[in-house]
């Protein structure tokens, strides 16, 4: 492999985000199987704190963590390119 090979999205942050998304999805699917979708929708829209709301929040947190993981990798790549260009200009 070349030294320019870059593994986008393969880091612990992305893995934790995907884990959060899977946990939230499993909880929602479980509630849909146990209850009907009418009850689940009612539980999502009422004013009490329910497991359905926690599952949706878990999915949202997972998506946020995945986006942070991807952004972090892109940021490193960009800074590395700038520093490499800067070194090239100073060596002339």
N, C-alpha and C. Protein backbone atom coordinates (compact mmCIF):
# COMPACT_ATOMS: atom_id res chain seq x y z
N UNK A 1 0.83 -1.19 0.00
CA UNK A 1 0.00 0.00 0.00
C UNK A 1 0.86 1.24 0.00
N UNK A 2 0.36 2.26 -0.62
CA UNK A 2 1.12 3.50 -0.67
C UNK A 2 1.00 4.25 0.65
N UNK A 3 1.87 5.21 0.83
CA UNK A 3 1.83 6.00 2.07
C UNK A 3 0.66 6.99 2.04
N UNK A 4 0.05 7.18 0.88
CA UNK A 4 -1.09 8.10 0.76
C UNK A 4 -2.42 7.43 1.08
N UNK A 5 -2.41 6.12 1.36
CA UNK A 5 -3.65 5.41 1.67
C UNK A 5 -4.24 5.98 2.94
N UNK A 6 -5.52 6.28 2.88
CA UNK A 6 -6.18 6.91 4.02
C UNK A 6 -7.46 6.14 4.34
N UNK A 7 -7.58 5.66 5.57
CA UNK A 7 -8.74 4.87 5.97
C UNK A 7 -9.79 5.77 6.58
N UNK A 8 -10.67 6.26 5.77
CA UNK A 8 -11.70 7.19 6.23
C UNK A 8 -12.77 6.44 7.03
N UNK A 9 -13.07 6.94 8.22
CA UNK A 9 -14.15 6.39 9.02
C UNK A 9 -13.78 5.18 9.84
N UNK A 10 -12.56 4.74 9.81
CA UNK A 10 -12.16 3.56 10.57
C UNK A 10 -11.40 4.00 11.82
N UNK A 11 -12.15 4.33 12.83
CA UNK A 11 -11.55 4.75 14.09
C UNK A 11 -12.50 4.39 15.22
N UNK A 12 -12.06 4.44 16.46
CA UNK A 12 -12.92 4.07 17.58
C UNK A 12 -14.16 4.96 17.71
N UNK A 13 -14.04 6.22 17.34
CA UNK A 13 -15.18 7.12 17.45
C UNK A 13 -16.32 6.67 16.55
N UNK A 14 -16.01 6.32 15.32
CA UNK A 14 -17.03 5.84 14.40
C UNK A 14 -17.62 4.52 14.89
N UNK A 15 -16.79 3.65 15.43
CA UNK A 15 -17.29 2.36 15.93
C UNK A 15 -18.26 2.56 17.10
N UNK A 16 -17.95 3.47 18.00
CA UNK A 16 -18.86 3.75 19.11
C UNK A 16 -20.17 4.35 18.62
N UNK A 17 -20.09 5.21 17.62
CA UNK A 17 -21.30 5.79 17.04
C UNK A 17 -22.20 4.73 16.42
N UNK A 18 -21.60 3.81 15.68
CA UNK A 18 -22.39 2.73 15.08
C UNK A 18 -22.99 1.85 16.16
N UNK A 19 -22.24 1.61 17.23
CA UNK A 19 -22.76 0.83 18.35
C UNK A 19 -23.98 1.50 18.98
N UNK A 20 -23.94 2.81 19.16
CA UNK A 20 -25.09 3.54 19.71
C UNK A 20 -26.29 3.43 18.78
N UNK A 21 -26.06 3.55 17.47
CA UNK A 21 -27.16 3.46 16.51
C UNK A 21 -27.80 2.07 16.56
N UNK A 22 -26.98 1.04 16.64
CA UNK A 22 -27.51 -0.34 16.69
C UNK A 22 -28.30 -0.56 17.97
N UNK A 23 -27.79 -0.08 19.10
CA UNK A 23 -28.50 -0.25 20.37
C UNK A 23 -29.86 0.44 20.34
N UNK A 24 -29.90 1.68 19.84
CA UNK A 24 -31.17 2.40 19.75
C UNK A 24 -32.15 1.73 18.80
N UNK A 25 -31.65 1.22 17.68
CA UNK A 25 -32.52 0.55 16.71
C UNK A 25 -33.09 -0.75 17.28
N UNK A 26 -32.26 -1.51 17.97
CA UNK A 26 -32.74 -2.76 18.57
C UNK A 26 -33.83 -2.47 19.61
N UNK A 27 -33.64 -1.42 20.39
CA UNK A 27 -34.65 -1.08 21.40
C UNK A 27 -35.97 -0.67 20.74
N UNK A 28 -35.89 0.11 19.67
CA UNK A 28 -37.13 0.51 18.98
C UNK A 28 -37.83 -0.66 18.31
N UNK A 29 -37.05 -1.53 17.67
CA UNK A 29 -37.65 -2.70 17.02
C UNK A 29 -38.27 -3.63 18.05
N UNK A 30 -37.61 -3.78 19.19
CA UNK A 30 -38.17 -4.61 20.26
C UNK A 30 -39.52 -4.06 20.73
N UNK A 31 -39.59 -2.74 20.90
CA UNK A 31 -40.85 -2.13 21.34
C UNK A 31 -41.93 -2.27 20.26
N UNK A 32 -41.55 -2.18 19.00
CA UNK A 32 -42.53 -2.36 17.93
C UNK A 32 -43.06 -3.79 17.89
N UNK A 33 -42.21 -4.76 18.24
CA UNK A 33 -42.66 -6.16 18.25
C UNK A 33 -43.57 -6.41 19.45
N UNK A 34 -43.19 -5.90 20.62
CA UNK A 34 -43.98 -6.13 21.84
C UNK A 34 -45.31 -5.36 21.77
N UNK A 35 -45.23 -4.09 21.41
CA UNK A 35 -46.42 -3.25 21.29
C UNK A 35 -46.70 -3.03 19.81
N UNK A 36 -47.85 -2.51 19.49
CA UNK A 36 -48.12 -2.16 18.10
C UNK A 36 -47.55 -0.78 17.81
N UNK A 37 -47.50 -0.42 16.55
CA UNK A 37 -46.92 0.88 16.20
C UNK A 37 -47.76 2.04 16.72
N UNK A 38 -49.06 1.83 16.94
CA UNK A 38 -49.89 2.90 17.51
C UNK A 38 -49.46 3.25 18.93
N UNK A 39 -49.20 2.21 19.73
CA UNK A 39 -48.75 2.45 21.10
C UNK A 39 -47.36 3.09 21.13
N UNK A 40 -46.47 2.63 20.27
CA UNK A 40 -45.12 3.18 20.23
C UNK A 40 -45.16 4.65 19.83
N UNK A 41 -45.99 4.98 18.84
CA UNK A 41 -46.14 6.38 18.44
C UNK A 41 -46.72 7.22 19.57
N UNK A 42 -47.68 6.64 20.30
CA UNK A 42 -48.26 7.35 21.44
C UNK A 42 -47.21 7.58 22.53
N UNK A 43 -46.37 6.55 22.77
CA UNK A 43 -45.31 6.69 23.77
C UNK A 43 -44.28 7.73 23.35
N UNK A 44 -44.03 7.87 22.05
CA UNK A 44 -43.08 8.86 21.57
C UNK A 44 -43.60 10.29 21.71
N UNK A 45 -44.91 10.45 21.59
CA UNK A 45 -45.48 11.79 21.55
C UNK A 45 -46.03 12.29 22.89
N UNK A 46 -46.12 11.42 23.91
CA UNK A 46 -46.65 11.91 25.19
C UNK A 46 -45.56 12.67 25.95
N UNK A 47 -45.94 13.24 27.09
CA UNK A 47 -45.01 14.10 27.83
C UNK A 47 -44.12 13.35 28.82
N UNK A 48 -44.30 12.06 28.98
CA UNK A 48 -43.49 11.29 29.92
C UNK A 48 -42.20 10.81 29.26
N UNK A 49 -41.20 10.54 30.10
CA UNK A 49 -39.95 9.99 29.60
C UNK A 49 -40.11 8.47 29.45
N UNK A 50 -40.02 7.98 28.23
CA UNK A 50 -40.23 6.56 27.97
C UNK A 50 -38.99 5.98 27.28
N UNK A 51 -38.95 4.65 27.20
CA UNK A 51 -37.79 4.00 26.57
C UNK A 51 -37.72 4.29 25.08
N UNK A 52 -38.85 4.58 24.46
CA UNK A 52 -38.84 4.92 23.04
C UNK A 52 -38.11 6.24 22.80
N UNK A 53 -38.33 7.20 23.68
CA UNK A 53 -37.64 8.49 23.56
C UNK A 53 -36.15 8.33 23.82
N UNK A 54 -35.81 7.48 24.77
CA UNK A 54 -34.40 7.22 25.06
C UNK A 54 -33.75 6.54 23.85
N UNK A 55 -34.47 5.62 23.19
CA UNK A 55 -33.93 4.94 22.02
C UNK A 55 -33.71 5.92 20.87
N UNK A 56 -34.63 6.83 20.65
CA UNK A 56 -34.46 7.84 19.60
C UNK A 56 -33.28 8.76 19.94
N UNK A 57 -33.16 9.13 21.20
CA UNK A 57 -32.03 9.97 21.62
C UNK A 57 -30.71 9.21 21.43
N UNK A 58 -30.70 7.91 21.70
CA UNK A 58 -29.51 7.10 21.51
C UNK A 58 -29.11 7.06 20.04
N UNK A 59 -30.08 6.92 19.15
CA UNK A 59 -29.79 6.93 17.72
C UNK A 59 -29.23 8.28 17.30
N UNK A 60 -29.80 9.36 17.80
CA UNK A 60 -29.31 10.71 17.46
C UNK A 60 -27.89 10.92 17.96
N UNK A 61 -27.60 10.47 19.17
CA UNK A 61 -26.24 10.58 19.71
C UNK A 61 -25.28 9.76 18.87
N UNK A 62 -25.70 8.58 18.44
CA UNK A 62 -24.86 7.73 17.59
C UNK A 62 -24.53 8.39 16.27
N UNK A 63 -25.52 9.02 15.65
CA UNK A 63 -25.27 9.73 14.39
C UNK A 63 -24.30 10.88 14.62
N UNK A 64 -24.47 11.60 15.72
CA UNK A 64 -23.57 12.71 16.05
C UNK A 64 -22.14 12.21 16.26
N UNK A 65 -21.97 11.09 16.95
CA UNK A 65 -20.64 10.54 17.21
C UNK A 65 -19.99 10.08 15.90
N UNK A 66 -20.77 9.46 15.01
CA UNK A 66 -20.23 9.04 13.72
C UNK A 66 -19.76 10.26 12.93
N UNK A 67 -20.56 11.32 12.93
CA UNK A 67 -20.17 12.53 12.21
C UNK A 67 -18.91 13.15 12.81
N UNK A 68 -18.80 13.12 14.13
CA UNK A 68 -17.57 13.62 14.77
C UNK A 68 -16.36 12.79 14.37
N UNK A 69 -16.55 11.48 14.29
CA UNK A 69 -15.45 10.61 13.89
C UNK A 69 -15.00 10.87 12.47
N UNK A 70 -15.93 11.09 11.58
CA UNK A 70 -15.57 11.37 10.19
C UNK A 70 -14.94 12.75 10.06
N UNK A 71 -15.47 13.72 10.78
CA UNK A 71 -14.93 15.08 10.73
C UNK A 71 -13.51 15.12 11.29
N UNK A 72 -13.27 14.38 12.32
CA UNK A 72 -11.95 14.36 12.95
C UNK A 72 -10.91 13.85 11.96
N UNK A 73 -11.23 12.82 11.20
CA UNK A 73 -10.29 12.28 10.22
C UNK A 73 -10.04 13.28 9.10
N UNK A 74 -11.07 13.91 8.60
CA UNK A 74 -10.89 14.88 7.53
C UNK A 74 -10.05 16.05 8.01
N UNK A 75 -10.23 16.48 9.25
CA UNK A 75 -9.47 17.59 9.80
C UNK A 75 -7.98 17.24 9.85
N UNK A 76 -7.64 16.04 10.29
CA UNK A 76 -6.25 15.63 10.35
C UNK A 76 -5.63 15.63 8.96
N UNK A 77 -6.35 15.15 8.01
CA UNK A 77 -5.86 15.05 6.64
C UNK A 77 -5.58 16.45 6.09
N UNK A 78 -6.46 17.39 6.34
CA UNK A 78 -6.33 18.74 5.84
C UNK A 78 -5.12 19.44 6.48
N UNK A 79 -4.96 19.30 7.78
CA UNK A 79 -3.85 19.94 8.47
C UNK A 79 -2.52 19.34 7.99
N UNK A 80 -2.50 18.04 7.78
CA UNK A 80 -1.28 17.39 7.31
C UNK A 80 -0.89 17.92 5.94
N UNK A 81 -1.86 18.12 5.07
CA UNK A 81 -1.58 18.62 3.73
C UNK A 81 -1.04 20.05 3.80
N UNK A 82 -1.63 20.87 4.64
CA UNK A 82 -1.17 22.26 4.77
C UNK A 82 0.25 22.29 5.31
N UNK A 83 0.54 21.49 6.33
CA UNK A 83 1.88 21.51 6.92
C UNK A 83 2.91 20.99 5.92
N UNK A 84 2.53 20.02 5.10
CA UNK A 84 3.45 19.48 4.10
C UNK A 84 3.73 20.54 3.03
N UNK A 85 2.69 21.26 2.58
CA UNK A 85 2.88 22.33 1.61
C UNK A 85 3.74 23.44 2.21
N UNK A 86 3.54 23.74 3.48
CA UNK A 86 4.30 24.79 4.14
C UNK A 86 5.77 24.43 4.20
N UNK A 87 6.08 23.16 4.51
CA UNK A 87 7.47 22.72 4.57
C UNK A 87 8.10 22.79 3.19
N UNK A 88 7.36 22.47 2.15
CA UNK A 88 7.88 22.53 0.79
C UNK A 88 8.24 23.95 0.41
N UNK A 89 7.39 24.91 0.79
CA UNK A 89 7.66 26.31 0.47
C UNK A 89 8.87 26.85 1.23
N UNK A 90 9.07 26.40 2.46
CA UNK A 90 10.19 26.90 3.26
C UNK A 90 11.52 26.31 2.82
N UNK A 91 11.51 25.15 2.18
CA UNK A 91 12.75 24.50 1.77
C UNK A 91 13.33 25.11 0.50
N UNK A 92 12.64 25.98 -0.18
CA UNK A 92 13.12 26.57 -1.43
C UNK A 92 14.10 27.66 -1.21
